[in-house]
Amino acid sequence: MDNNETTRITPAVWVLAAVTVLLHVVVINQYGYFRDELYYLACGEHLDWGYVDQPPLIGLIAWLIRHTLGTSLFAIRILPAIANGALVVLTGAIARKFGASKFAQSIAALCTMIAPLYLALGHFLSMNVFEPLLWMGCVYAYLSRRWIWFGVLAGIGLENKHSMLFFGLAFVIGLLFSDDRRELLRWPIWIGGLVAFAIFLPNLIWEVQHHFATFELLNNIAHSHKNAPVTPLSFFTGQIVLMHPLNLPIWIAGLVWLLMQPRFRALGVAFIALFIEFVVMKGKVYYIGPAYPMLFAAGAIVVDRALAPRWRPAVVGALVTGGALIAPMALPILPVETFIRYQERLHLAPPRTESMKLGVLPQQYADMFGWPEMVAVVARAYNSLSPADRAKCAIFGQNYGQAGAIDLFGSQYGLPKAISAHQNYYYWGPRNYTGEVMLVMDDRREVLETLFDHVEQVGIVHHPYAMPYENDKPLHLCRGLKMPITQLWPKIKKWM
């Protein structure tokens, strides 16, 4: 191999990254706002050092987007699109660190580009789209022996998502089972660890002050039936789908190659440790997703060395064609009716991560429908009230999607901000409302009649593509809360 080939990232990698970003931009408005995006925008209006279900970074990012670009779909999704493109470049850069040729760098970047999980995450705002960048940024820092930068990225990763702790633990295990265990005896890695801890400390203090609210939430989820059941087999088969079936032999080869290379063995062991961690904890199948670019980078080297040059076009053609066939399952490339027919024809569906009933669309698409229509139903009921009633009427959402939709779309109808007891909305409380007049979404009349003197159904929410548990749900006008709302609030806390 010509060493000059590895001195810089090949231009083909940058082209693939640019095409990735462009693809996201083309479809950025195809469907609507994703449920979680509504919540993150609401978190951005309540900046804090932590939230019940995530560290503070996503709230800060949402705040910055709102105050610079606005809250349009383009505004909140352009950064995730760029992050997806950056991951393609970072994969090529890691391959270069492994000693990959220009062709191998390109194959590694292409594997990341077509992986359905990364395409899906790059389409909407969430902490998950930044997670692979931060994990793989740490890997790149390790390969460069830049331990201070490793600590900076790990600390930011902890402020983005607590799963960075699992990556950190797996990485230490990888070092212990490789020749790089000697790095643990040197001061730079410990300085890096202190940097990571210092960056993470504000969120840790928040957790202490809030009695480790995140642990309470996770414990509630673990004892519920919210998440789909996970077995070692289902976890593995989920990886095949999320990373694309054609990528399977490449990342498997990459894992073997890493384990066989003394210089890079720590990364192979770290991946195995991550896999075991998430299987034992029955984590969702996508939790290990941020770790695959380093396997693609290594596996591309194996492919490059195993294939004669004449087979290179066939490999690229197969990956591009296969990626294009499955891309509609991850990106809303097709109009919704066309997608439904396409999904039925291919008999494909993303792996289930939650156990709720699905409609005609997979969850990641269904959660992009019905929110403006729901707010319109609420607005009709709210604006039919007398001015005196409107002045004291609270709008209650059962979950952060409903409440977040009211917060984002409600201003065009003159609606006040919503209240909810779900996730961090619980901490934001009932505001200044007394419960004298409330519009309550998605609750049973018989339950509401135990809490209020008068209950009347004033609307129903329907959208053919929304998640079933959000569809055909009543809206009730409730008057005369039978107890002080401050007394009711702790009883309806919903951390799930």
Protein backbone atom coordinates (compact mmCIF):
# COMPACT_ATOMS: atom_id res chain seq x y z
CA MET A 1 0.00 0.00 0.00
CA ASP A 2 1.25 3.48 -0.86
CA ASN A 3 1.65 5.40 2.39
CA ASN A 4 0.93 8.64 0.54
CA GLU A 5 -2.65 7.42 0.10
CA THR A 6 -3.30 7.71 3.82
CA THR A 7 -1.92 11.18 4.47
CA ARG A 8 -5.32 12.83 4.07
CA ILE A 9 -8.96 11.95 3.65
CA THR A 10 -9.81 11.14 0.07
CA PRO A 11 -12.11 13.65 -1.70
CA ALA A 12 -14.61 10.85 -2.35
CA VAL A 13 -15.42 10.81 1.37
CA TRP A 14 -16.24 14.51 1.32
CA VAL A 15 -18.44 13.98 -1.74
CA LEU A 16 -20.36 11.21 0.03
CA ALA A 17 -20.82 13.47 3.06
CA ALA A 18 -22.10 16.32 0.90
CA VAL A 19 -24.56 13.99 -0.86
CA THR A 20 -25.77 12.77 2.55
CA VAL A 21 -26.49 16.31 3.73
CA LEU A 22 -28.14 17.22 0.42
CA LEU A 23 -30.40 14.16 0.62
CA HIS A 24 -31.59 15.26 4.06
CA VAL A 25 -32.22 18.81 2.85
CA VAL A 26 -34.31 17.59 -0.09
CA VAL A 27 -36.72 15.66 2.18
CA ILE A 28 -36.53 17.92 5.22
CA ASN A 29 -40.16 19.08 4.88
CA GLN A 30 -41.66 15.86 3.53
CA TYR A 31 -43.49 14.89 6.73
CA GLY A 32 -44.15 16.90 9.91
CA TYR A 33 -42.52 17.53 13.27
CA PHE A 34 -41.41 14.44 15.17
CA ARG A 35 -42.88 14.03 18.66
CA ASP A 36 -39.54 14.37 20.44
CA GLU A 37 -38.66 17.53 18.52
CA LEU A 38 -41.68 19.23 20.07
CA TYR A 39 -40.43 18.26 23.52
CA TYR A 40 -36.86 19.39 22.93
CA LEU A 41 -38.07 22.78 21.75
CA ALA A 42 -40.07 23.04 24.98
CA CYS A 43 -36.96 22.09 26.98
CA GLY A 44 -35.15 24.87 25.17
CA GLU A 45 -37.60 27.32 26.74
CA HIS A 46 -36.72 25.97 30.20
CA LEU A 47 -32.93 25.86 30.19
CA ASP A 48 -31.52 23.87 33.07
CA TRP A 49 -28.52 21.70 33.91
CA GLY A 50 -30.62 18.59 33.44
CA TYR A 51 -33.99 17.12 32.60
CA VAL A 52 -35.75 14.01 33.84
CA ASP A 53 -35.01 12.08 30.66
CA GLN A 54 -31.81 13.66 29.32
CA PRO A 55 -28.82 15.83 30.17
CA PRO A 56 -28.92 19.54 29.28
CA LEU A 57 -27.20 19.75 25.88
CA ILE A 58 -30.25 19.11 23.69
CA GLY A 59 -32.17 21.85 25.48
CA LEU A 60 -29.31 24.28 24.89
CA ILE A 61 -29.12 23.31 21.22
CA ALA A 62 -32.88 23.82 20.86
CA TRP A 63 -32.58 27.23 22.52
CA LEU A 64 -29.78 28.27 20.17
CA ILE A 65 -31.70 27.09 17.11
CA ARG A 66 -34.87 28.92 18.19
CA HIS A 67 -32.98 32.18 18.74
CA THR A 68 -30.94 32.02 15.54
CA LEU A 69 -32.77 30.11 12.81
CA GLY A 70 -36.28 29.85 14.26
CA THR A 71 -38.50 26.82 14.69
CA SER A 72 -39.26 25.78 11.11
CA LEU A 73 -38.55 22.21 10.08
CA PHE A 74 -35.52 23.39 8.12
CA ALA A 75 -34.24 25.37 11.08
CA ILE A 76 -34.35 22.52 13.56
CA ARG A 77 -33.25 19.79 11.14
CA ILE A 78 -30.34 21.29 9.26
CA LEU A 79 -27.95 20.67 12.17
CA PRO A 80 -28.85 16.95 12.40
CA ALA A 81 -28.36 16.69 8.63
CA ILE A 82 -24.91 18.24 8.92
CA ALA A 83 -24.12 15.93 11.86
CA ASN A 84 -24.99 12.92 9.70
CA GLY A 85 -22.68 14.19 6.97
CA ALA A 86 -19.94 14.83 9.52
CA LEU A 87 -20.23 11.21 10.71
CA VAL A 88 -19.56 10.05 7.15
CA VAL A 89 -16.38 12.15 7.11
CA LEU A 90 -15.34 10.95 10.57
CA THR A 91 -15.70 7.33 9.45
CA GLY A 92 -13.34 8.01 6.57
CA ALA A 93 -10.94 9.75 8.95
CA ILE A 94 -10.90 6.77 11.32
CA ALA A 95 -10.28 4.46 8.37
CA ARG A 96 -7.34 6.68 7.40
CA LYS A 97 -5.99 6.34 10.97
CA PHE A 98 -6.22 2.57 10.55
CA GLY A 99 -4.06 2.86 7.42
CA ALA A 100 -6.84 2.54 4.84
CA SER A 101 -6.32 3.28 1.17
CA LYS A 102 -8.45 5.87 -0.59
CA PHE A 103 -10.80 3.15 -1.81
CA ALA A 104 -11.16 1.66 1.68
CA GLN A 105 -11.86 5.10 3.13
CA SER A 106 -14.60 5.54 0.56
CA ILE A 107 -16.15 2.14 1.29
CA ALA A 108 -16.14 2.86 5.04
CA ALA A 109 -17.82 6.23 4.48
CA LEU A 110 -20.36 4.65 2.12
CA CYS A 111 -21.25 2.03 4.75
CA THR A 112 -22.02 4.79 7.24
CA MET A 113 -23.91 6.77 4.62
CA ILE A 114 -26.35 3.95 3.79
CA ALA A 115 -26.85 2.65 7.35
CA PRO A 116 -30.59 3.11 7.99
CA LEU A 117 -30.10 4.08 11.64
CA TYR A 118 -27.84 7.03 10.81
CA LEU A 119 -30.10 8.16 7.97
CA ALA A 120 -33.11 8.09 10.27
CA LEU A 121 -31.34 9.95 13.08
CA GLY A 122 -30.05 12.58 10.69
CA HIS A 123 -33.58 13.54 9.71
CA PHE A 124 -34.76 15.06 12.99
CA LEU A 125 -33.44 16.87 16.04
CA SER A 126 -32.48 14.66 18.98
CA MET A 127 -29.48 13.89 21.15
CA ASN A 128 -29.14 10.57 19.31
CA VAL A 129 -27.83 12.16 16.12
CA PHE A 130 -24.88 13.69 17.99
CA GLU A 131 -24.08 10.53 19.95
CA PRO A 132 -22.21 8.67 17.16
CA LEU A 133 -20.14 11.79 16.45
CA LEU A 134 -19.10 12.05 20.09
CA TRP A 135 -18.34 8.34 20.52
CA MET A 136 -16.34 8.19 17.31
CA GLY A 137 -14.71 11.52 18.11
CA CYS A 138 -13.36 9.83 21.23
CA VAL A 139 -12.12 6.93 19.11
CA TYR A 140 -10.32 9.34 16.78
CA ALA A 141 -8.78 11.12 19.78
CA TYR A 142 -7.62 7.75 21.14
CA LEU A 143 -6.01 6.82 17.82
CA SER A 144 -4.22 10.18 17.89
CA ARG A 145 -3.37 9.80 21.59
CA ARG A 146 -5.06 13.13 22.29
CA TRP A 147 -6.35 12.30 25.75
CA ILE A 148 -7.36 15.85 26.65
CA TRP A 149 -9.57 15.99 23.57
CA PHE A 150 -10.88 12.55 24.45
CA GLY A 151 -11.94 13.97 27.83
CA VAL A 152 -13.54 17.04 26.27
CA LEU A 153 -15.58 14.94 23.85
CA ALA A 154 -16.51 12.41 26.55
CA GLY A 155 -17.64 15.23 28.84
CA ILE A 156 -19.76 16.80 26.10
CA GLY A 157 -21.09 13.33 25.35
CA LEU A 158 -22.18 12.95 28.97
CA GLU A 159 -24.00 16.28 28.74
CA ASN A 160 -25.63 14.98 25.57
CA LYS A 161 -26.65 11.49 26.70
CA HIS A 162 -25.75 9.40 29.72
CA SER A 163 -25.02 6.39 27.51
CA MET A 164 -21.53 7.85 27.15
CA LEU A 165 -20.94 6.15 30.52
CA PHE A 166 -21.42 2.76 28.88
CA PHE A 167 -19.03 3.67 26.10
CA GLY A 168 -16.47 4.86 28.67
CA LEU A 169 -16.75 1.65 30.67
CA ALA A 170 -16.43 -0.48 27.53
CA PHE A 171 -13.43 1.55 26.39
CA VAL A 172 -11.63 1.03 29.71
CA ILE A 173 -12.34 -2.71 29.45
CA GLY A 174 -10.89 -2.60 25.94
CA LEU A 175 -7.71 -0.97 27.22
CA LEU A 176 -7.36 -3.54 30.00
CA PHE A 177 -7.54 -6.41 27.51
CA SER A 178 -5.04 -4.93 25.08
CA ASP A 179 -1.43 -3.79 24.98
CA ASP A 180 -2.69 -0.25 25.56
CA ARG A 181 -3.39 -1.03 29.21
CA ARG A 182 -0.17 0.83 29.92
CA GLU A 183 -1.94 4.04 28.94
CA LEU A 184 -3.89 3.74 32.20
CA LEU A 185 -0.62 4.28 34.09
CA ARG A 186 0.16 7.56 32.35
CA TRP A 187 -1.03 10.97 33.49
CA PRO A 188 -2.54 12.28 30.18
CA ILE A 189 -5.43 9.79 30.26
CA TRP A 190 -6.21 10.72 33.87
CA ILE A 191 -6.16 14.41 32.99
CA GLY A 192 -8.60 13.61 30.20
CA GLY A 193 -10.82 11.79 32.70
CA LEU A 194 -10.78 14.80 35.03
CA VAL A 195 -11.74 17.07 32.12
CA ALA A 196 -14.68 14.79 31.28
CA PHE A 197 -15.80 14.76 34.90
CA ALA A 198 -15.56 18.56 35.17
CA ILE A 199 -17.75 19.02 32.10
CA PHE A 200 -20.26 16.45 33.38
CA LEU A 201 -20.32 17.82 36.94
CA PRO A 202 -23.15 20.39 36.51
CA ASN A 203 -25.53 17.67 35.34
CA LEU A 204 -24.39 15.36 38.14
CA ILE A 205 -25.14 18.12 40.66
CA TRP A 206 -28.58 18.57 39.06
CA GLU A 207 -29.25 14.85 39.46
CA VAL A 208 -28.27 14.98 43.13
CA GLN A 209 -30.48 18.03 43.72
CA HIS A 210 -33.40 16.25 42.04
CA HIS A 211 -32.88 12.96 43.90
CA PHE A 212 -31.53 11.22 40.77
CA ALA A 213 -34.71 11.74 38.80
CA THR A 214 -33.26 9.98 35.75
CA PHE A 215 -32.72 6.80 37.73
CA GLU A 216 -36.33 6.92 38.91
CA LEU A 217 -37.47 7.27 35.31
CA LEU A 218 -35.30 4.39 34.12
CA ASN A 219 -36.52 2.20 36.97
CA ASN A 220 -40.13 2.96 36.03
CA ILE A 221 -39.45 2.02 32.41
CA ALA A 222 -37.68 -1.19 33.44
CA HIS A 223 -40.73 -2.31 35.43
CA SER A 224 -43.22 -1.40 32.74
CA HIS A 225 -44.09 -3.01 29.42
CA LYS A 226 -43.22 0.08 27.39
CA ASN A 227 -40.13 -1.29 25.64
CA ALA A 228 -40.25 -4.22 23.25
CA PRO A 229 -38.80 -7.47 24.70
CA VAL A 230 -35.11 -7.98 23.93
CA THR A 231 -33.20 -11.24 23.65
CA PRO A 232 -29.60 -11.74 22.51
CA LEU A 233 -30.91 -13.00 19.17
CA SER A 234 -33.36 -10.15 18.62
CA PHE A 235 -30.67 -7.66 19.62
CA PHE A 236 -28.27 -9.11 17.03
CA THR A 237 -30.85 -9.33 14.24
CA GLY A 238 -31.81 -5.75 15.02
CA GLN A 239 -28.22 -4.73 14.29
CA ILE A 240 -28.44 -6.31 10.85
CA VAL A 241 -31.48 -4.22 9.96
CA LEU A 242 -30.34 -0.96 11.54
CA MET A 243 -26.87 -1.09 9.96
CA HIS A 244 -28.14 -2.48 6.62
CA PRO A 245 -27.89 -6.18 5.73
CA LEU A 246 -25.23 -5.53 3.08
CA ASN A 247 -23.02 -3.95 5.75
CA LEU A 248 -23.12 -7.09 7.91
CA PRO A 249 -20.08 -8.87 6.42
CA ILE A 250 -18.14 -5.60 6.47
CA TRP A 251 -18.64 -4.80 10.13
CA ILE A 252 -18.17 -8.42 11.17
CA ALA A 253 -14.88 -8.45 9.24
CA GLY A 254 -14.00 -5.14 10.84
CA LEU A 255 -14.57 -6.50 14.33
CA VAL A 256 -12.35 -9.52 13.64
CA TRP A 257 -9.66 -7.29 12.11
CA LEU A 258 -9.62 -5.01 15.15
CA LEU A 259 -9.31 -7.97 17.51
CA MET A 260 -6.39 -9.33 15.49
CA GLN A 261 -4.48 -6.04 15.41
CA PRO A 262 -2.57 -5.45 18.67
CA ARG A 263 -2.51 -1.72 18.01
CA PHE A 264 -6.30 -1.50 17.68
CA ARG A 265 -7.49 -4.47 19.75
CA ALA A 266 -8.87 -2.19 22.47
CA LEU A 267 -11.59 -1.00 20.08
CA GLY A 268 -12.66 -4.52 19.16
CA VAL A 269 -12.86 -5.55 22.81
CA ALA A 270 -14.75 -2.33 23.61
CA PHE A 271 -17.38 -3.19 21.00
CA ILE A 272 -17.86 -6.67 22.45
CA ALA A 273 -18.12 -5.18 25.94
CA LEU A 274 -20.76 -2.71 24.69
CA PHE A 275 -22.73 -5.51 23.07
CA ILE A 276 -22.72 -7.51 26.29
CA GLU A 277 -23.63 -4.47 28.39
CA PHE A 278 -26.72 -3.67 26.34
CA VAL A 279 -27.87 -7.28 25.97
CA VAL A 280 -27.60 -7.86 29.72
CA MET A 281 -29.47 -4.61 30.43
CA LYS A 282 -32.06 -5.45 27.72
CA GLY A 283 -31.37 -2.11 26.07
CA LYS A 284 -33.06 -1.01 22.88
CA VAL A 285 -31.45 -2.39 19.75
CA TYR A 286 -30.18 0.99 18.59
CA TYR A 287 -28.25 1.76 21.79
CA ILE A 288 -25.04 0.27 20.38
CA GLY A 289 -25.50 2.04 17.04
CA PRO A 290 -22.94 4.82 17.67
CA ALA A 291 -20.10 2.26 17.77
CA TYR A 292 -20.35 0.90 14.22
CA PRO A 293 -18.39 3.48 12.18
CA MET A 294 -15.10 2.17 13.61
CA LEU A 295 -16.10 -1.33 12.49
CA PHE A 296 -16.97 -0.06 9.01
CA ALA A 297 -13.58 1.67 8.88
CA ALA A 298 -11.76 -1.55 9.79
CA GLY A 299 -13.96 -3.80 7.65
CA ALA A 300 -13.38 -1.64 4.58
CA ILE A 301 -9.66 -2.42 4.86
CA VAL A 302 -10.44 -6.14 4.84
CA VAL A 303 -12.65 -5.73 1.77
CA ASP A 304 -10.01 -3.66 0.00
CA ARG A 305 -7.29 -6.21 0.63
CA ALA A 306 -9.45 -9.24 -0.18
CA LEU A 307 -10.86 -8.05 -3.49
CA ALA A 308 -9.11 -7.67 -6.80
CA PRO A 309 -9.41 -4.11 -8.19
CA ARG A 310 -11.80 -5.27 -10.93
CA TRP A 311 -14.40 -6.12 -8.26
CA ARG A 312 -14.41 -2.65 -6.72
CA PRO A 313 -17.18 -1.24 -8.97
CA ALA A 314 -19.40 -4.21 -8.13
CA VAL A 315 -18.97 -3.65 -4.39
CA VAL A 316 -19.73 0.04 -4.68
CA GLY A 317 -22.69 -0.64 -6.95
CA ALA A 318 -24.15 -3.21 -4.56
CA LEU A 319 -23.86 -0.87 -1.56
CA VAL A 320 -25.36 2.08 -3.43
CA THR A 321 -28.24 0.02 -4.86
CA GLY A 322 -28.96 -1.69 -1.57
CA GLY A 323 -28.79 1.60 0.27
CA ALA A 324 -31.23 3.20 -2.15
CA LEU A 325 -33.72 0.32 -1.79
CA ILE A 326 -33.88 0.57 2.00
CA ALA A 327 -33.45 4.34 2.32
CA PRO A 328 -37.23 5.03 2.23
CA MET A 329 -37.54 3.02 5.44
CA ALA A 330 -35.24 5.52 7.19
CA LEU A 331 -35.88 8.78 5.35
CA PRO A 332 -39.28 10.13 4.21
CA ILE A 333 -38.20 10.12 0.58
CA LEU A 334 -41.61 8.96 -0.67
CA PRO A 335 -45.04 10.55 -0.26
CA VAL A 336 -46.81 8.80 2.56
CA GLU A 337 -49.28 6.79 0.47
CA THR A 338 -46.49 5.67 -1.84
CA PHE A 339 -44.38 4.70 1.16
CA ILE A 340 -47.17 2.53 2.59
CA ARG A 341 -47.40 0.62 -0.69
CA TYR A 342 -43.59 0.38 -0.90
CA GLN A 343 -43.34 -1.00 2.63
CA GLU A 344 -46.00 -3.59 1.92
CA ARG A 345 -44.29 -4.64 -1.30
CA LEU A 346 -40.88 -5.09 0.34
CA HIS A 347 -42.25 -6.66 3.54
CA LEU A 348 -39.75 -4.61 5.53
CA ALA A 349 -40.09 -2.82 8.82
CA PRO A 350 -37.62 -1.34 11.28
CA PRO A 351 -37.04 -3.37 14.46
CA ARG A 352 -39.53 -2.64 17.24
CA THR A 353 -38.13 -0.66 20.16
CA GLU A 354 -41.42 -0.12 22.02
CA SER A 355 -44.38 -2.41 22.55
CA MET A 356 -47.30 -0.15 21.66
CA LYS A 357 -49.66 -0.94 18.80
CA LEU A 358 -48.68 0.43 15.40
CA GLY A 359 -50.84 1.74 12.59
CA VAL A 360 -50.09 1.83 8.87
CA LEU A 361 -46.77 3.59 9.44
CA PRO A 362 -43.72 2.65 11.53
CA GLN A 363 -43.40 4.66 14.71
CA GLN A 364 -40.67 7.03 13.54
CA TYR A 365 -43.00 8.22 10.73
CA ALA A 366 -46.33 7.98 12.54
CA ASP A 367 -44.99 10.31 15.24
CA MET A 368 -44.63 13.00 12.56
CA PHE A 369 -48.35 13.19 11.87
CA GLY A 370 -51.39 14.66 13.60
CA TRP A 371 -49.90 17.37 15.79
CA PRO A 372 -51.18 20.51 13.99
CA GLU A 373 -54.59 18.86 13.59
CA MET A 374 -54.70 18.07 17.32
CA VAL A 375 -53.89 21.66 18.21
CA ALA A 376 -56.62 22.90 15.85
CA VAL A 377 -59.19 20.77 17.72
CA VAL A 378 -58.04 22.20 21.04
CA ALA A 379 -58.06 25.73 19.63
CA ARG A 380 -61.69 25.44 18.49
CA ALA A 381 -62.75 24.42 21.96
CA TYR A 382 -60.61 27.04 23.69
CA ASN A 383 -61.79 29.92 21.51
CA SER A 384 -65.43 28.95 22.03
CA LEU A 385 -65.05 29.80 25.73
CA SER A 386 -65.97 33.16 27.17
CA PRO A 387 -63.09 35.63 27.67
CA ALA A 388 -63.36 35.10 31.43
CA ASP A 389 -63.05 31.31 31.06
CA ARG A 390 -60.19 31.58 28.58
CA ALA A 391 -58.25 33.72 31.05
CA LYS A 392 -58.20 30.88 33.58
CA CYS A 393 -58.33 27.84 31.30
CA ALA A 394 -55.40 25.39 31.47
CA ILE A 395 -54.67 23.02 28.60
CA PHE A 396 -53.49 19.63 29.90
CA GLY A 397 -51.61 17.14 27.73
CA GLN A 398 -51.17 13.52 28.74
CA ASN A 399 -47.66 13.35 27.29
CA TYR A 400 -44.89 15.66 26.17
CA GLY A 401 -45.86 15.27 22.52
CA GLN A 402 -49.32 16.69 23.11
CA ALA A 403 -48.05 19.43 25.41
CA GLY A 404 -45.15 20.26 23.09
CA ALA A 405 -47.50 20.56 20.12
CA ILE A 406 -49.65 23.06 22.01
CA ASP A 407 -46.53 25.01 22.96
CA LEU A 408 -45.23 25.16 19.36
CA PHE A 409 -48.41 25.52 17.27
CA GLY A 410 -50.76 27.06 19.82
CA SER A 411 -49.57 30.65 19.53
CA GLN A 412 -51.18 31.03 16.10
CA TYR A 413 -54.54 30.39 17.77
CA GLY A 414 -53.85 32.45 20.88
CA LEU A 415 -53.47 29.38 23.09
CA PRO A 416 -51.50 29.53 26.34
CA LYS A 417 -48.61 27.16 27.01
CA ALA A 418 -49.71 23.66 27.98
CA ILE A 419 -49.26 21.88 31.27
CA SER A 420 -48.54 18.18 31.71
CA ALA A 421 -47.26 15.78 34.34
CA HIS A 422 -45.21 13.80 31.82
CA GLN A 423 -41.38 13.77 32.03
CA ASN A 424 -39.92 17.24 32.65
CA TYR A 425 -43.28 18.98 32.19
CA TYR A 426 -43.98 17.68 35.70
CA TYR A 427 -41.19 19.87 37.07
CA TRP A 428 -42.54 22.88 35.21
CA GLY A 429 -45.71 22.40 37.21
CA PRO A 430 -49.30 23.65 36.81
CA ARG A 431 -48.01 27.21 36.32
CA ASN A 432 -50.53 29.61 37.90
CA TYR A 433 -53.63 27.59 37.09
CA THR A 434 -56.13 26.53 39.73
CA GLY A 435 -58.03 23.83 37.84
CA GLU A 436 -61.22 25.89 37.77
CA VAL A 437 -61.40 25.46 33.97
CA MET A 438 -59.33 22.92 32.05
CA LEU A 439 -59.22 21.40 28.60
CA VAL A 440 -57.93 17.85 29.10
CA MET A 441 -56.66 15.83 26.16
CA ASP A 442 -56.87 12.07 25.85
CA ASP A 443 -58.47 10.95 29.10
CA ARG A 444 -61.50 8.85 30.03
CA ARG A 445 -64.62 10.67 31.09
CA GLU A 446 -65.23 8.38 34.07
CA VAL A 447 -61.77 9.22 35.43
CA LEU A 448 -62.24 12.95 34.95
CA GLU A 449 -65.63 12.88 36.66
CA THR A 450 -63.93 11.72 39.86
CA LEU A 451 -61.74 14.83 39.76
CA PHE A 452 -64.05 17.57 38.45
CA ASP A 453 -67.59 18.75 39.18
CA HIS A 454 -68.48 19.01 35.49
CA VAL A 455 -67.04 17.17 32.47
CA GLU A 456 -68.09 17.65 28.85
CA GLN A 457 -66.58 16.22 25.68
CA VAL A 458 -65.91 19.09 23.27
CA GLY A 459 -63.86 17.47 20.53
CA ILE A 460 -62.07 14.42 19.20
CA VAL A 461 -58.61 14.14 17.69
CA HIS A 462 -58.13 12.07 14.53
CA HIS A 463 -55.46 11.63 11.90
CA PRO A 464 -55.23 8.55 9.65
CA TYR A 465 -51.45 8.25 9.95
CA ALA A 466 -50.87 9.10 13.62
CA MET A 467 -49.88 6.55 16.23
CA PRO A 468 -52.96 4.58 17.34
CA TYR A 469 -52.62 5.65 20.97
CA GLU A 470 -52.88 9.29 19.82
CA ASN A 471 -55.78 8.68 17.44
CA ASP A 472 -59.52 9.13 17.97
CA LYS A 473 -58.89 10.53 21.44
CA PRO A 474 -61.43 12.81 23.16
CA LEU A 475 -60.95 16.36 24.34
CA HIS A 476 -62.88 17.24 27.50
CA LEU A 477 -63.80 20.58 29.01
CA CYS A 478 -63.58 20.17 32.77
CA ARG A 479 -64.76 22.60 35.44
CA GLY A 480 -64.40 22.71 39.20
CA LEU A 481 -61.39 20.65 40.26
CA LYS A 482 -62.37 18.97 43.51
CA MET A 483 -58.98 19.41 45.20
CA PRO A 484 -56.24 22.03 45.01
CA ILE A 485 -54.21 21.48 41.86
CA THR A 486 -51.01 21.55 43.91
CA GLN A 487 -52.35 18.59 45.87
CA LEU A 488 -53.33 16.72 42.69
CA TRP A 489 -50.02 17.32 40.90
CA PRO A 490 -47.81 14.75 42.73
CA LYS A 491 -50.50 12.10 42.25
CA ILE A 492 -50.46 12.36 38.46
CA LYS A 493 -46.70 12.42 37.92
CA LYS A 494 -45.93 10.37 34.82
CA TRP A 495 -42.29 9.44 34.38
CA MET A 496 -42.41 6.66 31.81
